[in-house]
Amino acid sequence: MTASDFLTFCGFLYRIQTMINFTFWRDGEYFVGFLTDFPEYQTQGLTMAELQENLRDIYKEVQGNKVPFIRRTMSLSI
């Protein structure tokens, strides 16, 4: 976490949380999934908690520009 992940209000320190959607399914004993905005980067975990932690790691890497050739979507007004 960095200082930008927190907000001070009335003398209290609050953690700012970002919500992001993910898609998952069971494959045998594993939970497999990907961040909806980045479907090409899949991960897995033996538990849902492990899958979610792995997805958080992917999000941090994508946001930190540590993953090359990230595909993003945008809207175009025509």
Protein backbone atom coordinates (compact mmCIF):
# COMPACT_ATOMS: atom_id res chain seq x y z
CA MET A 1 0.00 0.00 0.00
CA THR A 2 1.06 3.53 -0.65
CA ALA A 3 0.12 6.84 0.92
CA SER A 4 -2.34 7.44 -1.94
CA ASP A 5 -4.36 4.42 -0.72
CA PHE A 6 -5.42 6.38 2.38
CA LEU A 7 -7.55 9.43 3.13
CA THR A 8 -7.49 11.52 6.32
CA PHE A 9 -10.83 12.94 7.44
CA CYS A 10 -11.53 14.62 10.79
CA GLY A 11 -8.29 13.25 12.20
CA PHE A 12 -9.07 9.63 11.23
CA LEU A 13 -7.20 7.64 8.60
CA TYR A 14 -9.42 5.76 6.13
CA ARG A 15 -8.32 3.20 3.56
CA ILE A 16 -9.68 3.83 0.05
CA GLN A 17 -10.95 0.64 -1.55
CA THR A 18 -11.43 0.03 -5.25
CA MET A 19 -14.00 -2.49 -6.43
CA ILE A 20 -13.40 -4.41 -9.64
CA ASN A 21 -15.43 -7.24 -11.18
CA PHE A 22 -14.06 -10.70 -11.82
CA THR A 23 -15.30 -13.88 -13.48
CA PHE A 24 -14.64 -17.30 -11.98
CA TRP A 25 -15.49 -21.00 -12.28
CA ARG A 26 -14.55 -24.31 -10.70
CA ASP A 27 -12.15 -26.59 -12.54
CA GLY A 28 -11.78 -29.71 -10.48
CA GLU A 29 -10.42 -28.68 -7.09
CA TYR A 30 -9.39 -25.18 -8.27
CA PHE A 31 -11.16 -21.87 -8.52
CA VAL A 32 -10.09 -20.27 -11.82
CA GLY A 33 -10.78 -16.68 -12.75
CA PHE A 34 -9.83 -13.40 -14.35
CA LEU A 35 -10.49 -9.71 -13.90
CA THR A 36 -13.39 -8.80 -16.19
CA ASP A 37 -11.45 -5.86 -17.66
CA PHE A 38 -8.40 -8.07 -18.34
CA PRO A 39 -9.67 -11.53 -19.40
CA GLU A 40 -6.35 -12.59 -20.94
CA TYR A 41 -4.72 -12.79 -17.49
CA GLN A 42 -6.16 -15.83 -15.72
CA THR A 43 -5.18 -17.19 -12.33
CA GLN A 44 -6.29 -19.91 -9.93
CA GLY A 45 -6.49 -20.83 -6.28
CA LEU A 46 -7.43 -23.81 -4.14
CA THR A 47 -9.88 -21.57 -2.26
CA MET A 48 -11.94 -18.54 -3.24
CA ALA A 49 -9.82 -16.43 -0.87
CA GLU A 50 -6.63 -17.57 -2.62
CA LEU A 51 -8.14 -16.82 -6.04
CA GLN A 52 -9.14 -13.33 -4.90
CA GLU A 53 -5.65 -12.65 -3.51
CA ASN A 54 -4.11 -13.77 -6.82
CA LEU A 55 -6.52 -11.48 -8.70
CA ARG A 56 -5.47 -8.57 -6.46
CA ASP A 57 -1.84 -9.30 -7.38
CA ILE A 58 -2.71 -9.22 -11.09
CA TYR A 59 -4.54 -5.91 -10.61
CA LYS A 60 -1.51 -4.38 -8.85
CA GLU A 61 0.82 -5.56 -11.63
CA VAL A 62 -1.46 -4.21 -14.37
CA GLN A 63 -1.90 -0.86 -12.61
CA GLY A 64 1.84 -0.63 -11.95
CA ASN A 65 2.61 -1.12 -15.66
CA LYS A 66 4.55 -4.30 -14.87
CA VAL A 67 2.64 -6.30 -17.48
CA PRO A 68 3.41 -5.52 -21.14
CA PHE A 69 0.83 -5.10 -23.91
CA ILE A 70 -2.23 -4.48 -21.73
CA ARG A 71 -5.39 -4.34 -23.83
CA ARG A 72 -7.92 -1.77 -22.65
CA THR A 73 -11.38 -0.86 -23.85
CA MET A 74 -12.83 2.60 -24.34
CA SER A 75 -15.93 4.12 -25.86
CA LEU A 76 -15.78 6.09 -29.09
CA SER A 77 -18.33 8.74 -30.00
CA ILE A 78 -19.20 8.67 -33.71
